[in-house]
Amino acid sequence: MGADEYYWKIPSAGNDDDLDQDGGKNKIKKKKKTPKGHIVVYVGDEMRRFFVPISCLKNPQFQELLQQSADVYGFDHGQGGILLPCTLPTFLRVMINFKPPKSSF
């Protein structure tokens, strides 16, 4: 596909490790391989590739995007990854508002 690849890093409260190269609070960082415990999604007209933690599968807003994907593209679209039929700003808004579950450890 030739799309850029991004890894979605769930922010931790006030951690400077979440800063990108520009010093901003962008939560996407370039990576090459799909990290363990993540899924691949393609977003927007440019089909930008994101690696999303599987913990996001419990997020009702993300589940809604997945349902829309199934309705629009079906389950056998032959392109690998999950195609999300939404704009990049919509996807980012869902991800930014996602609160990861607290660890039981």
PDB file of N, CA and C in Angstrom:
ATOM      1  N   MET A   1       0.813  -1.207   0.000  1.00  0.00           N
ATOM      2  CA  MET A   1       0.000   0.000   0.000  1.00  0.00           C
ATOM      3  C   MET A   1       0.849   1.260   0.000  1.00  0.00           C
ATOM      4  N   GLY A   2       2.020   1.189   0.585  1.00  0.00           N
ATOM      5  CA  GLY A   2       2.892   2.360   0.609  1.00  0.00           C
ATOM      6  C   GLY A   2       2.486   3.410   1.622  1.00  0.00           C
ATOM      7  N   ALA A   3       1.584   3.066   2.509  1.00  0.00           N
ATOM      8  CA  ALA A   3       1.114   4.045   3.492  1.00  0.00           C
ATOM      9  C   ALA A   3       2.129   4.202   4.610  1.00  0.00           C
ATOM     10  N   ASP A   4       2.138   5.367   5.234  1.00  0.00           N
ATOM     11  CA  ASP A   4       2.967   5.572   6.412  1.00  0.00           C
ATOM     12  C   ASP A   4       2.450   4.675   7.529  1.00  0.00           C
ATOM     13  N   GLU A   5       3.357   4.229   8.389  1.00  0.00           N
ATOM     14  CA  GLU A   5       2.977   3.389   9.504  1.00  0.00           C
ATOM     15  C   GLU A   5       3.124   4.175  10.793  1.00  0.00           C
ATOM     16  N   TYR A   6       2.142   4.046  11.662  1.00  0.00           N
ATOM     17  CA  TYR A   6       2.175   4.743  12.938  1.00  0.00           C
ATOM     18  C   TYR A   6       1.792   3.792  14.046  1.00  0.00           C
ATOM     19  N   TYR A   7       2.374   4.021  15.192  1.00  0.00           N
ATOM     20  CA  TYR A   7       2.065   3.256  16.385  1.00  0.00           C
ATOM     21  C   TYR A   7       1.334   4.198  17.321  1.00  0.00           C
ATOM     22  N   TRP A   8       0.188   3.772  17.785  1.00  0.00           N
ATOM     23  CA  TRP A   8      -0.582   4.608  18.700  1.00  0.00           C
ATOM     24  C   TRP A   8      -0.112   4.325  20.105  1.00  0.00           C
ATOM     25  N   LYS A   9       0.449   5.318  20.760  1.00  0.00           N
ATOM     26  CA  LYS A   9       0.935   5.164  22.128  1.00  0.00           C
ATOM     27  C   LYS A   9      -0.091   5.756  23.070  1.00  0.00           C
ATOM     28  N   ILE A  10      -0.634   4.930  23.953  1.00  0.00           N
ATOM     29  CA  ILE A  10      -1.604   5.418  24.928  1.00  0.00           C
ATOM     30  C   ILE A  10      -0.848   6.282  25.932  1.00  0.00           C
ATOM     31  N   PRO A  11      -1.306   7.511  26.132  1.00  0.00           N
ATOM     32  CA  PRO A  11      -0.575   8.419  27.010  1.00  0.00           C
ATOM     33  C   PRO A  11      -0.670   8.009  28.473  1.00  0.00           C
ATOM     34  N   SER A  12       0.402   8.257  29.180  1.00  0.00           N
ATOM     35  CA  SER A  12       0.368   8.110  30.631  1.00  0.00           C
ATOM     36  C   SER A  12       0.343   9.516  31.211  1.00  0.00           C
ATOM     37  N   ALA A  13      -0.267   9.662  32.330  1.00  0.00           N
ATOM     38  CA  ALA A  13      -0.504  10.994  32.894  1.00  0.00           C
ATOM     39  C   ALA A  13       0.800  11.746  33.126  1.00  0.00           C
ATOM     40  N   GLY A  14       0.969  12.858  32.388  1.00  0.00           N
ATOM     41  CA  GLY A  14       2.072  13.777  32.606  1.00  0.00           C
ATOM     42  C   GLY A  14       3.448  13.225  32.328  1.00  0.00           C
ATOM     43  N   ASN A  15       3.548  12.152  31.552  1.00  0.00           N
ATOM     44  CA  ASN A  15       4.832  11.540  31.274  1.00  0.00           C
ATOM     45  C   ASN A  15       5.466  12.204  30.061  1.00  0.00           C
ATOM     46  N   ASP A  16       6.681  12.721  30.215  1.00  0.00           N
ATOM     47  CA  ASP A  16       7.359  13.385  29.113  1.00  0.00           C
ATOM     48  C   ASP A  16       7.773  12.419  28.018  1.00  0.00           C
ATOM     49  N   ASP A  17       7.727  11.107  28.277  1.00  0.00           N
ATOM     50  CA  ASP A  17       8.039  10.139  27.243  1.00  0.00           C
ATOM     51  C   ASP A  17       7.020  10.177  26.112  1.00  0.00           C
ATOM     52  N   ASP A  18       5.858  10.794  26.360  1.00  0.00           N
ATOM     53  CA  ASP A  18       4.818  10.887  25.347  1.00  0.00           C
ATOM     54  C   ASP A  18       5.070  12.016  24.353  1.00  0.00           C
ATOM     55  N   LEU A  19       6.099  12.794  24.558  1.00  0.00           N
ATOM     56  CA  LEU A  19       6.385  13.893  23.640  1.00  0.00           C
ATOM     57  C   LEU A  19       6.966  13.354  22.347  1.00  0.00           C
ATOM     58  N   ASP A  20       6.532  13.906  21.226  1.00  0.00           N
ATOM     59  CA  ASP A  20       7.115  13.500  19.955  1.00  0.00           C
ATOM     60  C   ASP A  20       8.375  14.313  19.683  1.00  0.00           C
ATOM     61  N   GLN A  21       8.957  14.124  18.478  1.00  0.00           N
ATOM     62  CA  GLN A  21      10.205  14.790  18.141  1.00  0.00           C
ATOM     63  C   GLN A  21      10.074  16.310  18.148  1.00  0.00           C
ATOM     64  N   ASP A  22       8.898  16.829  17.899  1.00  0.00           N
ATOM     65  CA  ASP A  22       8.689  18.269  17.873  1.00  0.00           C
ATOM     66  C   ASP A  22       8.414  18.836  19.264  1.00  0.00           C
ATOM     67  N   GLY A  23       8.364  17.979  20.285  1.00  0.00           N
ATOM     68  CA  GLY A  23       8.071  18.431  21.633  1.00  0.00           C
ATOM     69  C   GLY A  23       6.584  18.565  21.894  1.00  0.00           C
ATOM     70  N   GLY A  24       5.735  18.208  20.928  1.00  0.00           N
ATOM     71  CA  GLY A  24       4.284  18.299  21.102  1.00  0.00           C
ATOM     72  C   GLY A  24       3.742  17.049  21.764  1.00  0.00           C
ATOM     73  N   LYS A  25       2.468  17.072  22.070  1.00  0.00           N
ATOM     74  CA  LYS A  25       1.843  15.928  22.725  1.00  0.00           C
ATOM     75  C   LYS A  25       1.163  15.007  21.715  1.00  0.00           C
ATOM     76  N   ASN A  26       1.710  14.885  20.511  1.00  0.00           N
ATOM     77  CA  ASN A  26       1.166  13.940  19.541  1.00  0.00           C
ATOM     78  C   ASN A  26       1.379  12.536  20.074  1.00  0.00           C
ATOM     79  N   LYS A  27       0.395  11.685  19.888  1.00  0.00           N
ATOM     80  CA  LYS A  27       0.467  10.349  20.448  1.00  0.00           C
ATOM     81  C   LYS A  27       0.798   9.305  19.388  1.00  0.00           C
ATOM     82  N   ILE A  28       1.318   9.705  18.253  1.00  0.00           N
ATOM     83  CA  ILE A  28       1.700   8.748  17.234  1.00  0.00           C
ATOM     84  C   ILE A  28       3.202   8.795  17.034  1.00  0.00           C
ATOM     85  N   LYS A  29       3.787   7.637  16.911  1.00  0.00           N
ATOM     86  CA  LYS A  29       5.225   7.533  16.736  1.00  0.00           C
ATOM     87  C   LYS A  29       5.493   6.521  15.629  1.00  0.00           C
ATOM     88  N   LYS A  30       6.460   6.809  14.767  1.00  0.00           N
ATOM     89  CA  LYS A  30       6.769   5.900  13.663  1.00  0.00           C
ATOM     90  C   LYS A  30       7.409   4.613  14.178  1.00  0.00           C
ATOM     91  N   LYS A  31       6.977   3.491  13.604  1.00  0.00           N
ATOM     92  CA  LYS A  31       7.537   2.168  13.882  1.00  0.00           C
ATOM     93  C   LYS A  31       7.494   1.365  12.589  1.00  0.00           C
ATOM     94  N   LYS A  32       8.159   0.222  12.546  1.00  0.00           N
ATOM     95  CA  LYS A  32       8.185  -0.623  11.357  1.00  0.00           C
ATOM     96  C   LYS A  32       7.283  -1.857  11.478  1.00  0.00           C
ATOM     97  N   LYS A  33       7.410  -2.624  12.556  1.00  0.00           N
ATOM     98  CA  LYS A  33       6.673  -3.878  12.703  1.00  0.00           C
ATOM     99  C   LYS A  33       5.501  -3.709  13.659  1.00  0.00           C
ATOM    100  N   THR A  34       4.503  -4.572  13.487  1.00  0.00           N
ATOM    101  CA  THR A  34       3.361  -4.541  14.391  1.00  0.00           C
ATOM    102  C   THR A  34       3.796  -5.048  15.760  1.00  0.00           C
ATOM    103  N   PRO A  35       3.693  -4.218  16.784  1.00  0.00           N
ATOM    104  CA  PRO A  35       4.081  -4.659  18.130  1.00  0.00           C
ATOM    105  C   PRO A  35       3.139  -5.738  18.647  1.00  0.00           C
ATOM    106  N   LYS A  36       3.661  -6.587  19.494  1.00  0.00           N
ATOM    107  CA  LYS A  36       2.847  -7.621  20.120  1.00  0.00           C
ATOM    108  C   LYS A  36       1.710  -6.961  20.893  1.00  0.00           C
ATOM    109  N   GLY A  37       0.503  -7.535  20.789  1.00  0.00           N
ATOM    110  CA  GLY A  37      -0.639  -7.006  21.522  1.00  0.00           C
ATOM    111  C   GLY A  37      -1.325  -5.850  20.812  1.00  0.00           C
ATOM    112  N   HIS A  38      -1.081  -5.679  19.522  1.00  0.00           N
ATOM    113  CA  HIS A  38      -1.671  -4.602  18.736  1.00  0.00           C
ATOM    114  C   HIS A  38      -2.339  -5.158  17.487  1.00  0.00           C
ATOM    115  N   ILE A  39      -3.248  -4.381  16.929  1.00  0.00           N
ATOM    116  CA  ILE A  39      -3.857  -4.697  15.643  1.00  0.00           C
ATOM    117  C   ILE A  39      -3.533  -3.566  14.670  1.00  0.00           C
ATOM    118  N   VAL A  40      -3.635  -3.865  13.394  1.00  0.00           N
ATOM    119  CA  VAL A  40      -3.372  -2.869  12.354  1.00  0.00           C
ATOM    120  C   VAL A  40      -4.705  -2.344  11.844  1.00  0.00           C
ATOM    121  N   VAL A  41      -4.827  -1.013  11.783  1.00  0.00           N
ATOM    122  CA  VAL A  41      -6.001  -0.386  11.174  1.00  0.00           C
ATOM    123  C   VAL A  41      -5.525   0.628  10.140  1.00  0.00           C
ATOM    124  N   TYR A  42      -6.328   0.802   9.101  1.00  0.00           N
ATOM    125  CA  TYR A  42      -6.061   1.798   8.065  1.00  0.00           C
ATOM    126  C   TYR A  42      -7.151   2.853   8.146  1.00  0.00           C
ATOM    127  N   VAL A  43      -6.747   4.130   8.133  1.00  0.00           N
ATOM    128  CA  VAL A  43      -7.675   5.221   8.405  1.00  0.00           C
ATOM    129  C   VAL A  43      -7.565   6.311   7.353  1.00  0.00           C
ATOM    130  N   GLY A  44      -8.724   6.875   7.005  1.00  0.00           N
ATOM    131  CA  GLY A  44      -8.771   8.047   6.140  1.00  0.00           C
ATOM    132  C   GLY A  44      -8.589   7.734   4.667  1.00  0.00           C
ATOM    133  N   ASP A  45      -8.713   8.770   3.849  1.00  0.00           N
ATOM    134  CA  ASP A  45      -8.570   8.621   2.403  1.00  0.00           C
ATOM    135  C   ASP A  45      -7.172   8.153   2.018  1.00  0.00           C
ATOM    136  N   GLU A  46      -6.163   8.533   2.804  1.00  0.00           N
ATOM    137  CA  GLU A  46      -4.783   8.142   2.516  1.00  0.00           C
ATOM    138  C   GLU A  46      -4.479   6.730   3.006  1.00  0.00           C
ATOM    139  N   MET A  47      -5.432   6.114   3.710  1.00  0.00           N
ATOM    140  CA  MET A  47      -5.262   4.781   4.286  1.00  0.00           C
ATOM    141  C   MET A  47      -4.005   4.720   5.148  1.00  0.00           C
ATOM    142  N   ARG A  48      -3.888   5.664   6.064  1.00  0.00           N
ATOM    143  CA  ARG A  48      -2.743   5.690   6.977  1.00  0.00           C
ATOM    144  C   ARG A  48      -2.825   4.499   7.914  1.00  0.00           C
ATOM    145  N   ARG A  49      -1.708   3.853   8.099  1.00  0.00           N
ATOM    146  CA  ARG A  49      -1.642   2.629   8.893  1.00  0.00           C
ATOM    147  C   ARG A  49      -1.305   2.965  10.344  1.00  0.00           C
ATOM    148  N   PHE A  50      -2.132   2.430  11.260  1.00  0.00           N
ATOM    149  CA  PHE A  50      -1.920   2.617  12.688  1.00  0.00           C
ATOM    150  C   PHE A  50      -1.895   1.263  13.377  1.00  0.00           C
ATOM    151  N   PHE A  51      -1.063   1.157  14.414  1.00  0.00           N
ATOM    152  CA  PHE A  51      -1.044  -0.012  15.279  1.00  0.00           C
ATOM    153  C   PHE A  51      -1.764   0.381  16.564  1.00  0.00           C
ATOM    154  N   VAL A  52      -2.848  -0.313  16.847  1.00  0.00           N
ATOM    155  CA  VAL A  52      -3.710   0.040  17.975  1.00  0.00           C
ATOM    156  C   VAL A  52      -3.651  -1.075  19.021  1.00  0.00           C
ATOM    157  N   PRO A  53      -3.452  -0.736  20.293  1.00  0.00           N
ATOM    158  CA  PRO A  53      -3.438  -1.769  21.344  1.00  0.00           C
ATOM    159  C   PRO A  53      -4.767  -2.525  21.380  1.00  0.00           C
ATOM    160  N   ILE A  54      -4.692  -3.829  21.608  1.00  0.00           N
ATOM    161  CA  ILE A  54      -5.927  -4.620  21.629  1.00  0.00           C
ATOM    162  C   ILE A  54      -6.848  -4.206  22.768  1.00  0.00           C
ATOM    163  N   SER A  55      -6.319  -3.515  23.770  1.00  0.00           N
ATOM    164  CA  SER A  55      -7.177  -3.030  24.858  1.00  0.00           C
ATOM    165  C   SER A  55      -8.227  -2.050  24.333  1.00  0.00           C
ATOM    166  N   CYS A  56      -7.968  -1.439  23.185  1.00  0.00           N
ATOM    167  CA  CYS A  56      -8.944  -0.508  22.591  1.00  0.00           C
ATOM    168  C   CYS A  56     -10.192  -1.219  22.096  1.00  0.00           C
ATOM    169  N   LEU A  57     -10.123  -2.541  21.949  1.00  0.00           N
ATOM    170  CA  LEU A  57     -11.284  -3.292  21.478  1.00  0.00           C
ATOM    171  C   LEU A  57     -12.442  -3.218  22.469  1.00  0.00           C
ATOM    172  N   LYS A  58     -12.157  -2.839  23.716  1.00  0.00           N
ATOM    173  CA  LYS A  58     -13.201  -2.695  24.726  1.00  0.00           C
ATOM    174  C   LYS A  58     -13.845  -1.313  24.706  1.00  0.00           C
ATOM    175  N   ASN A  59     -13.273  -0.394  23.963  1.00  0.00           N
ATOM    176  CA  ASN A  59     -13.769   0.976  23.885  1.00  0.00           C
ATOM    177  C   ASN A  59     -15.041   1.008  23.020  1.00  0.00           C
ATOM    178  N   PRO A  60     -16.182   1.457  23.580  1.00  0.00           N
ATOM    179  CA  PRO A  60     -17.429   1.488  22.813  1.00  0.00           C
ATOM    180  C   PRO A  60     -17.330   2.318  21.525  1.00  0.00           C
ATOM    181  N   GLN A  61     -16.602   3.426  21.560  1.00  0.00           N
ATOM    182  CA  GLN A  61     -16.461   4.242  20.344  1.00  0.00           C
ATOM    183  C   GLN A  61     -15.645   3.504  19.287  1.00  0.00           C
ATOM    184  N   PHE A  62     -14.609   2.790  19.702  1.00  0.00           N
ATOM    185  CA  PHE A  62     -13.806   2.018  18.761  1.00  0.00           C
ATOM    186  C   PHE A  62     -14.625   0.852  18.222  1.00  0.00           C
ATOM    187  N   GLN A  63     -15.439   0.231  19.076  1.00  0.00           N
ATOM    188  CA  GLN A  63     -16.318  -0.853  18.646  1.00  0.00           C
ATOM    189  C   GLN A  63     -17.296  -0.359  17.573  1.00  0.00           C
ATOM    190  N   GLU A  64     -17.762   0.872  17.724  1.00  0.00           N
ATOM    191  CA  GLU A  64     -18.658   1.453  16.725  1.00  0.00           C
ATOM    192  C   GLU A  64     -17.930   1.601  15.381  1.00  0.00           C
ATOM    193  N   LEU A  65     -16.671   2.042  15.421  1.00  0.00           N
ATOM    194  CA  LEU A  65     -15.881   2.133  14.188  1.00  0.00           C
ATOM    195  C   LEU A  65     -15.697   0.759  13.553  1.00  0.00           C
ATOM    196  N   LEU A  66     -15.479  -0.258  14.385  1.00  0.00           N
ATOM    197  CA  LEU A  66     -15.324  -1.617  13.864  1.00  0.00           C
ATOM    198  C   LEU A  66     -16.619  -2.109  13.211  1.00  0.00           C
ATOM    199  N   GLN A  67     -17.756  -1.794  13.817  1.00  0.00           N
ATOM    200  CA  GLN A  67     -19.040  -2.192  13.238  1.00  0.00           C
ATOM    201  C   GLN A  67     -19.260  -1.495  11.898  1.00  0.00           C
ATOM    202  N   GLN A  68     -18.924  -0.210  11.833  1.00  0.00           N
ATOM    203  CA  GLN A  68     -19.031   0.517  10.568  1.00  0.00           C
ATOM    204  C   GLN A  68     -18.124  -0.110   9.515  1.00  0.00           C
ATOM    205  N   SER A  69     -16.934  -0.529   9.922  1.00  0.00           N
ATOM    206  CA  SER A  69     -16.005  -1.181   9.003  1.00  0.00           C
ATOM    207  C   SER A  69     -16.613  -2.459   8.438  1.00  0.00           C
ATOM    208  N   ALA A  70     -17.215  -3.264   9.313  1.00  0.00           N
ATOM    209  CA  ALA A  70     -17.849  -4.511   8.869  1.00  0.00           C
ATOM    210  C   ALA A  70     -18.998  -4.223   7.916  1.00  0.00           C
ATOM    211  N   ASP A  71     -19.779  -3.177   8.195  1.00  0.00           N
ATOM    212  CA  ASP A  71     -20.914  -2.822   7.346  1.00  0.00           C
ATOM    213  C   ASP A  71     -20.461  -2.337   5.967  1.00  0.00           C
ATOM    214  N   VAL A  72     -19.385  -1.550   5.938  1.00  0.00           N
ATOM    215  CA  VAL A  72     -18.930  -0.948   4.689  1.00  0.00           C
ATOM    216  C   VAL A  72     -18.057  -1.896   3.865  1.00  0.00           C
ATOM    217  N   TYR A  73     -17.079  -2.541   4.523  1.00  0.00           N
ATOM    218  CA  TYR A  73     -16.090  -3.336   3.800  1.00  0.00           C
ATOM    219  C   TYR A  73     -16.279  -4.840   3.934  1.00  0.00           C
ATOM    220  N   GLY A  74     -17.044  -5.281   4.918  1.00  0.00           N
ATOM    221  CA  GLY A  74     -17.179  -6.708   5.165  1.00  0.00           C
ATOM    222  C   GLY A  74     -15.943  -7.257   5.852  1.00  0.00           C
ATOM    223  N   PHE A  75     -15.880  -8.573   5.943  1.00  0.00           N
ATOM    224  CA  PHE A  75     -14.771  -9.204   6.647  1.00  0.00           C
ATOM    225  C   PHE A  75     -13.721  -9.781   5.705  1.00  0.00           C
ATOM    226  N   ASP A  76     -13.997  -9.792   4.421  1.00  0.00           N
ATOM    227  CA  ASP A  76     -13.073 -10.396   3.461  1.00  0.00           C
ATOM    228  C   ASP A  76     -12.753  -9.406   2.355  1.00  0.00           C
ATOM    229  N   HIS A  77     -12.063  -8.323   2.707  1.00  0.00           N
ATOM    230  CA  HIS A  77     -11.743  -7.300   1.712  1.00  0.00           C
ATOM    231  C   HIS A  77     -10.398  -7.549   1.056  1.00  0.00           C
ATOM    232  N   GLY A  78      -9.615  -8.511   1.576  1.00  0.00           N
ATOM    233  CA  GLY A  78      -8.381  -8.939   0.943  1.00  0.00           C
ATOM    234  C   GLY A  78      -7.196  -7.991   1.051  1.00  0.00           C
ATOM    235  N   GLN A  79      -7.256  -6.995   1.913  1.00  0.00           N
ATOM    236  CA  GLN A  79      -6.156  -6.042   2.009  1.00  0.00           C
ATOM    237  C   GLN A  79      -5.372  -6.174   3.307  1.00  0.00           C
ATOM    238  N   GLY A  80      -5.762  -7.061   4.199  1.00  0.00           N
ATOM    239  CA  GLY A  80      -5.084  -7.183   5.483  1.00  0.00           C
ATOM    240  C   GLY A  80      -5.399  -5.984   6.351  1.00  0.00           C
ATOM    241  N   GLY A  81      -5.247  -6.124   7.639  1.00  0.00           N
ATOM    242  CA  GLY A  81      -5.589  -5.024   8.535  1.00  0.00           C
ATOM    243  C   GLY A  81      -7.075  -4.744   8.517  1.00  0.00           C
ATOM    244  N   ILE A  82      -7.477  -3.774   9.279  1.00  0.00           N
ATOM    245  CA  ILE A  82      -8.884  -3.371   9.359  1.00  0.00           C
ATOM    246  C   ILE A  82      -9.013  -1.986   8.741  1.00  0.00           C
ATOM    247  N   LEU A  83      -9.901  -1.864   7.771  1.00  0.00           N
ATOM    248  CA  LEU A  83     -10.152  -0.571   7.134  1.00  0.00           C
ATOM    249  C   LEU A  83     -11.241   0.140   7.916  1.00  0.00           C
ATOM    250  N   LEU A  84     -10.926   1.306   8.471  1.00  0.00           N
ATOM    251  CA  LEU A  84     -11.920   2.071   9.226  1.00  0.00           C
ATOM    252  C   LEU A  84     -12.477   3.177   8.343  1.00  0.00           C
ATOM    253  N   PRO A  85     -13.795   3.174   8.116  1.00  0.00           N
ATOM    254  CA  PRO A  85     -14.412   4.166   7.237  1.00  0.00           C
ATOM    255  C   PRO A  85     -14.690   5.472   7.968  1.00  0.00           C
ATOM    256  N   CYS A  86     -13.630   6.130   8.396  1.00  0.00           N
ATOM    257  CA  CYS A  86     -13.782   7.400   9.096  1.00  0.00           C
ATOM    258  C   CYS A  86     -12.627   8.305   8.703  1.00  0.00           C
ATOM    259  N   THR A  87     -12.761   9.559   9.043  1.00  0.00           N
ATOM    260  CA  THR A  87     -11.681  10.503   8.765  1.00  0.00           C
ATOM    261  C   THR A  87     -10.583  10.350   9.810  1.00  0.00           C
ATOM    262  N   LEU A  88      -9.415  10.824   9.485  1.00  0.00           N
ATOM    263  CA  LEU A  88      -8.309  10.790  10.435  1.00  0.00           C
ATOM    264  C   LEU A  88      -8.642  11.557  11.714  1.00  0.00           C
ATOM    265  N   PRO A  89      -9.234  12.772  11.627  1.00  0.00           N
ATOM    266  CA  PRO A  89      -9.591  13.477  12.872  1.00  0.00           C
ATOM    267  C   PRO A  89     -10.575  12.696  13.750  1.00  0.00           C
ATOM    268  N   THR A  90     -11.519  11.982  13.141  1.00  0.00           N
ATOM    269  CA  THR A  90     -12.472  11.181  13.918  1.00  0.00           C
ATOM    270  C   THR A  90     -11.746  10.069  14.649  1.00  0.00           C
ATOM    271  N   PHE A  91     -10.867   9.364  13.941  1.00  0.00           N
ATOM    272  CA  PHE A  91     -10.087   8.291  14.555  1.00  0.00           C
ATOM    273  C   PHE A  91      -9.245   8.822  15.714  1.00  0.00           C
ATOM    274  N   LEU A  92      -8.565   9.926  15.486  1.00  0.00           N
ATOM    275  CA  LEU A  92      -7.711  10.494  16.529  1.00  0.00           C
ATOM    276  C   LEU A  92      -8.518  10.922  17.744  1.00  0.00           C
ATOM    277  N   ARG A  93      -9.715  11.459  17.518  1.00  0.00           N
ATOM    278  CA  ARG A  93     -10.581  11.867  18.628  1.00  0.00           C
ATOM    279  C   ARG A  93     -10.987  10.644  19.467  1.00  0.00           C
ATOM    280  N   VAL A  94     -11.324   9.542  18.803  1.00  0.00           N
ATOM    281  CA  VAL A  94     -11.681   8.314  19.521  1.00  0.00           C
ATOM    282  C   VAL A  94     -10.489   7.824  20.338  1.00  0.00           C
ATOM    283  N   MET A  95      -9.308   7.836  19.740  1.00  0.00           N
ATOM    284  CA  MET A  95      -8.128   7.330  20.424  1.00  0.00           C
ATOM    285  C   MET A  95      -7.692   8.238  21.580  1.00  0.00           C
ATOM    286  N   ILE A  96      -7.774   9.528  21.394  1.00  0.00           N
ATOM    287  CA  ILE A  96      -7.376  10.458  22.450  1.00  0.00           C
ATOM    288  C   ILE A  96      -8.310  10.340  23.656  1.00  0.00           C
ATOM    289  N   ASN A  97      -9.583  10.095  23.397  1.00  0.00           N
ATOM    290  CA  ASN A  97     -10.560   9.990  24.488  1.00  0.00           C
ATOM    291  C   ASN A  97     -10.557   8.625  25.163  1.00  0.00           C
ATOM    292  N   PHE A  98      -9.805   7.681  24.627  1.00  0.00           N
ATOM    293  CA  PHE A  98      -9.760   6.338  25.190  1.00  0.00           C
ATOM    294  C   PHE A  98      -8.966   6.316  26.494  1.00  0.00           C
ATOM    295  N   LYS A  99      -9.557   5.758  27.526  1.00  0.00           N
ATOM    296  CA  LYS A  99      -8.895   5.604  28.811  1.00  0.00           C
ATOM    297  C   LYS A  99      -8.561   4.117  28.970  1.00  0.00           C
ATOM    298  N   PRO A 100      -7.269   3.782  29.005  1.00  0.00           N
ATOM    299  CA  PRO A 100      -6.914   2.362  29.143  1.00  0.00           C
ATOM    300  C   PRO A 100      -7.382   1.803  30.471  1.00  0.00           C
ATOM    301  N   PRO A 101      -7.739   0.516  30.496  1.00  0.00           N
ATOM    302  CA  PRO A 101      -8.181  -0.093  31.749  1.00  0.00           C
ATOM    303  C   PRO A 101      -7.052  -0.100  32.760  1.00  0.00           C
ATOM    304  N   LYS A 102      -7.400   0.075  34.018  1.00  0.00           N
ATOM    305  CA  LYS A 102      -6.388   0.041  35.085  1.00  0.00           C
ATOM    306  C   LYS A 102      -5.934  -1.385  35.302  1.00  0.00           C
ATOM    307  N   SER A 103      -4.661  -1.519  35.541  1.00  0.00           N
ATOM    308  CA  SER A 103      -4.080  -2.835  35.786  1.00  0.00           C
ATOM    309  C   SER A 103      -4.561  -3.367  37.125  1.00  0.00           C
ATOM    310  N   SER A 104      -4.774  -4.670  37.191  1.00  0.00           N
ATOM    311  CA  SER A 104      -5.225  -5.283  38.445  1.00  0.00           C
ATOM    312  C   SER A 104      -4.046  -5.792  39.259  1.00  0.00           C
ATOM    313  N   PHE A 105      -2.833  -5.449  38.843  1.00  0.00           N
ATOM    314  CA  PHE A 105      -1.638  -5.901  39.558  1.00  0.00           C
ATOM    315  C   PHE A 105      -1.298  -4.988  40.687  1.00  0.00           C
TER     316      PHE A 105
END
